[in-house]
């Protein structure tokens, strides 16, 4: 039960942190404080760090990815088309690739 509470707490902190970071970044972009290409780099770095997080946990990474996909789908009306492509399809591709790796590892391990 402690792990469940900790997990829910981490989800809430992650969502609030992500929303705050996104809001601040969007404000800076719209006010002209930072150039558009810098926003793209922040997005790319965030995406790469999320994918690293996905691969660093065995089961939690898959659950994290499914939550990420669901969150992107629920927030699709608030994102630009490019953001939706990045935040929805990148984790879908990551999940498919991870599934392929797990299946391949299981099949080759079973043959030995």
C-alpha atoms as a PDB file:
ATOM      1  CA  UNK A   1       0.000   0.000   0.000  1.00  0.00           C
ATOM      2  CA  UNK A   2       2.932   2.330   0.693  1.00  0.00           C
ATOM      3  CA  UNK A   3       4.213   1.819  -2.857  1.00  0.00           C
ATOM      4  CA  UNK A   4       0.805   2.699  -4.300  1.00  0.00           C
ATOM      5  CA  UNK A   5       0.650   5.936  -2.302  1.00  0.00           C
ATOM      6  CA  UNK A   6       4.186   6.795  -3.325  1.00  0.00           C
ATOM      7  CA  UNK A   7       3.365   6.074  -6.969  1.00  0.00           C
ATOM      8  CA  UNK A   8       0.238   8.241  -6.888  1.00  0.00           C
ATOM      9  CA  UNK A   9       2.201  11.021  -5.219  1.00  0.00           C
ATOM     10  CA  UNK A  10       4.879  10.797  -7.945  1.00  0.00           C
ATOM     11  CA  UNK A  11       2.190  10.938 -10.642  1.00  0.00           C
ATOM     12  CA  UNK A  12       0.649  14.065  -9.146  1.00  0.00           C
ATOM     13  CA  UNK A  13       4.023  15.753  -8.688  1.00  0.00           C
ATOM     14  CA  UNK A  14       5.008  14.815 -12.255  1.00  0.00           C
ATOM     15  CA  UNK A  15       1.779  16.163 -13.726  1.00  0.00           C
ATOM     16  CA  UNK A  16       1.905  19.418 -11.772  1.00  0.00           C
ATOM     17  CA  UNK A  17       5.589  19.881 -12.580  1.00  0.00           C
ATOM     18  CA  UNK A  18       5.012  19.150 -16.267  1.00  0.00           C
ATOM     19  CA  UNK A  19       2.063  21.533 -16.463  1.00  0.00           C
ATOM     20  CA  UNK A  20       3.977  24.306 -14.694  1.00  0.00           C
ATOM     21  CA  UNK A  21       7.039  23.826 -16.898  1.00  0.00           C
ATOM     22  CA  UNK A  22       4.863  23.817 -20.012  1.00  0.00           C
ATOM     23  CA  UNK A  23       2.987  26.942 -18.916  1.00  0.00           C
ATOM     24  CA  UNK A  24       6.189  28.849 -18.118  1.00  0.00           C
ATOM     25  CA  UNK A  25       7.818  27.754 -21.378  1.00  0.00           C
ATOM     26  CA  UNK A  26       4.717  28.743 -23.358  1.00  0.00           C
ATOM     27  CA  UNK A  27       4.590  32.128 -21.593  1.00  0.00           C
ATOM     28  CA  UNK A  28       8.246  32.785 -22.407  1.00  0.00           C
ATOM     29  CA  UNK A  29       7.670  31.775 -26.016  1.00  0.00           C
ATOM     30  CA  UNK A  30       4.602  33.997 -26.461  1.00  0.00           C
ATOM     31  CA  UNK A  31       6.194  36.997 -24.751  1.00  0.00           C
ATOM     32  CA  UNK A  32       9.297  36.679 -26.952  1.00  0.00           C
ATOM     33  CA  UNK A  33      11.698  36.099 -24.059  1.00  0.00           C
ATOM     34  CA  UNK A  34      13.058  32.947 -25.703  1.00  0.00           C
ATOM     35  CA  UNK A  35      13.171  32.133 -29.423  1.00  0.00           C
ATOM     36  CA  UNK A  36      11.016  29.417 -30.998  1.00  0.00           C
ATOM     37  CA  UNK A  37      13.997  27.154 -31.755  1.00  0.00           C
ATOM     38  CA  UNK A  38      14.889  27.088 -28.053  1.00  0.00           C
ATOM     39  CA  UNK A  39      11.362  25.882 -27.249  1.00  0.00           C
ATOM     40  CA  UNK A  40      11.856  23.056 -29.733  1.00  0.00           C
ATOM     41  CA  UNK A  41      15.125  22.087 -27.996  1.00  0.00           C
ATOM     42  CA  UNK A  42      13.387  22.043 -24.609  1.00  0.00           C
ATOM     43  CA  UNK A  43      10.726  19.777 -26.110  1.00  0.00           C
ATOM     44  CA  UNK A  44      13.317  17.439 -27.622  1.00  0.00           C
ATOM     45  CA  UNK A  45      15.304  17.256 -24.386  1.00  0.00           C
ATOM     46  CA  UNK A  46      12.116  16.573 -22.403  1.00  0.00           C
ATOM     47  CA  UNK A  47      11.098  13.847 -24.831  1.00  0.00           C
ATOM     48  CA  UNK A  48      14.513  12.176 -24.698  1.00  0.00           C
ATOM     49  CA  UNK A  49      14.589  12.278 -20.910  1.00  0.00           C
ATOM     50  CA  UNK A  50      11.102  10.765 -20.779  1.00  0.00           C
ATOM     51  CA  UNK A  51      12.145   7.949 -23.113  1.00  0.00           C
ATOM     52  CA  UNK A  52      15.206   7.320 -20.924  1.00  0.00           C
ATOM     53  CA  UNK A  53      12.862   7.135 -17.930  1.00  0.00           C
ATOM     54  CA  UNK A  54      10.670   4.640 -19.779  1.00  0.00           C
ATOM     55  CA  UNK A  55      13.628   2.355 -20.469  1.00  0.00           C
ATOM     56  CA  UNK A  56      15.088   2.628 -16.983  1.00  0.00           C
ATOM     57  CA  UNK A  57      12.152   0.825 -15.372  1.00  0.00           C
ATOM     58  CA  UNK A  58      10.953  -2.610 -16.403  1.00  0.00           C
ATOM     59  CA  UNK A  59       7.253  -2.629 -15.533  1.00  0.00           C
ATOM     60  CA  UNK A  60       6.871   0.963 -14.403  1.00  0.00           C
ATOM     61  CA  UNK A  61       8.217   2.163 -17.745  1.00  0.00           C
ATOM     62  CA  UNK A  62       5.384   0.462 -19.598  1.00  0.00           C
ATOM     63  CA  UNK A  63       2.782   1.833 -17.189  1.00  0.00           C
ATOM     64  CA  UNK A  64       4.404   5.266 -17.438  1.00  0.00           C
ATOM     65  CA  UNK A  65       4.230   5.082 -21.236  1.00  0.00           C
ATOM     66  CA  UNK A  66       0.576   4.057 -21.212  1.00  0.00           C
ATOM     67  CA  UNK A  67      -0.183   6.961 -18.875  1.00  0.00           C
ATOM     68  CA  UNK A  68       1.765   9.312 -21.105  1.00  0.00           C
ATOM     69  CA  UNK A  69      -0.210   8.167 -24.163  1.00  0.00           C
ATOM     70  CA  UNK A  70      -3.509   8.552 -22.307  1.00  0.00           C
ATOM     71  CA  UNK A  71      -2.505  11.995 -21.026  1.00  0.00           C
ATOM     72  CA  UNK A  72      -1.524  13.164 -24.508  1.00  0.00           C
ATOM     73  CA  UNK A  73      -4.829  11.899 -25.887  1.00  0.00           C
ATOM     74  CA  UNK A  74      -6.809  13.688 -23.172  1.00  0.00           C
ATOM     75  CA  UNK A  75      -4.878  16.929 -23.733  1.00  0.00           C
ATOM     76  CA  UNK A  76      -4.916  16.798 -27.555  1.00  0.00           C
ATOM     77  CA  UNK A  77      -7.291  19.766 -27.829  1.00  0.00           C
ATOM     78  CA  UNK A  78      -4.830  21.923 -25.884  1.00  0.00           C
ATOM     79  CA  UNK A  79      -1.784  21.020 -27.990  1.00  0.00           C
ATOM     80  CA  UNK A  80      -0.666  22.069 -31.416  1.00  0.00           C
ATOM     81  CA  UNK A  81      -0.617  19.373 -34.102  1.00  0.00           C
ATOM     82  CA  UNK A  82       3.169  19.122 -33.838  1.00  0.00           C
ATOM     83  CA  UNK A  83       3.082  18.750 -30.057  1.00  0.00           C
ATOM     84  CA  UNK A  84       0.409  16.081 -30.337  1.00  0.00           C
ATOM     85  CA  UNK A  85       2.493  14.168 -32.873  1.00  0.00           C
ATOM     86  CA  UNK A  86       5.495  14.320 -30.575  1.00  0.00           C
ATOM     87  CA  UNK A  87       3.749  13.609 -27.276  1.00  0.00           C
ATOM     88  CA  UNK A  88       1.350  10.946 -28.560  1.00  0.00           C
ATOM     89  CA  UNK A  89       3.101   9.105 -31.362  1.00  0.00           C
ATOM     90  CA  UNK A  90       6.616   9.084 -29.893  1.00  0.00           C
ATOM     91  CA  UNK A  91       5.509   7.114 -26.818  1.00  0.00           C
ATOM     92  CA  UNK A  92       3.374   4.832 -29.005  1.00  0.00           C
ATOM     93  CA  UNK A  93       6.456   4.094 -31.134  1.00  0.00           C
ATOM     94  CA  UNK A  94       8.525   3.631 -27.968  1.00  0.00           C
ATOM     95  CA  UNK A  95       5.980   1.187 -26.549  1.00  0.00           C
ATOM     96  CA  UNK A  96       5.858  -0.795 -29.796  1.00  0.00           C
ATOM     97  CA  UNK A  97       9.654  -0.943 -29.939  1.00  0.00           C
ATOM     98  CA  UNK A  98       9.897  -1.954 -26.295  1.00  0.00           C
ATOM     99  CA  UNK A  99       7.307  -4.695 -26.844  1.00  0.00           C
ATOM    100  CA  UNK A 100       9.300  -5.951 -29.820  1.00  0.00           C
ATOM    101  CA  UNK A 101      12.495  -6.051 -27.746  1.00  0.00           C
ATOM    102  CA  UNK A 102      10.785  -7.930 -24.890  1.00  0.00           C
ATOM    103  CA  UNK A 103       9.214 -10.463 -27.263  1.00  0.00           C
ATOM    104  CA  UNK A 104      12.478 -10.950 -29.117  1.00  0.00           C
ATOM    105  CA  UNK A 105      14.387 -11.415 -25.859  1.00  0.00           C
ATOM    106  CA  UNK A 106      11.772 -13.903 -24.610  1.00  0.00           C
ATOM    107  CA  UNK A 107      11.751 -15.914 -27.844  1.00  0.00           C
ATOM    108  CA  UNK A 108      15.533 -16.117 -28.098  1.00  0.00           C
ATOM    109  CA  UNK A 109      15.868 -16.870 -24.387  1.00  0.00           C
ATOM    110  CA  UNK A 110      13.293 -19.682 -24.678  1.00  0.00           C
ATOM    111  CA  UNK A 111      15.196 -21.283 -27.595  1.00  0.00           C
ATOM    112  CA  UNK A 112      18.363 -21.765 -25.563  1.00  0.00           C
END
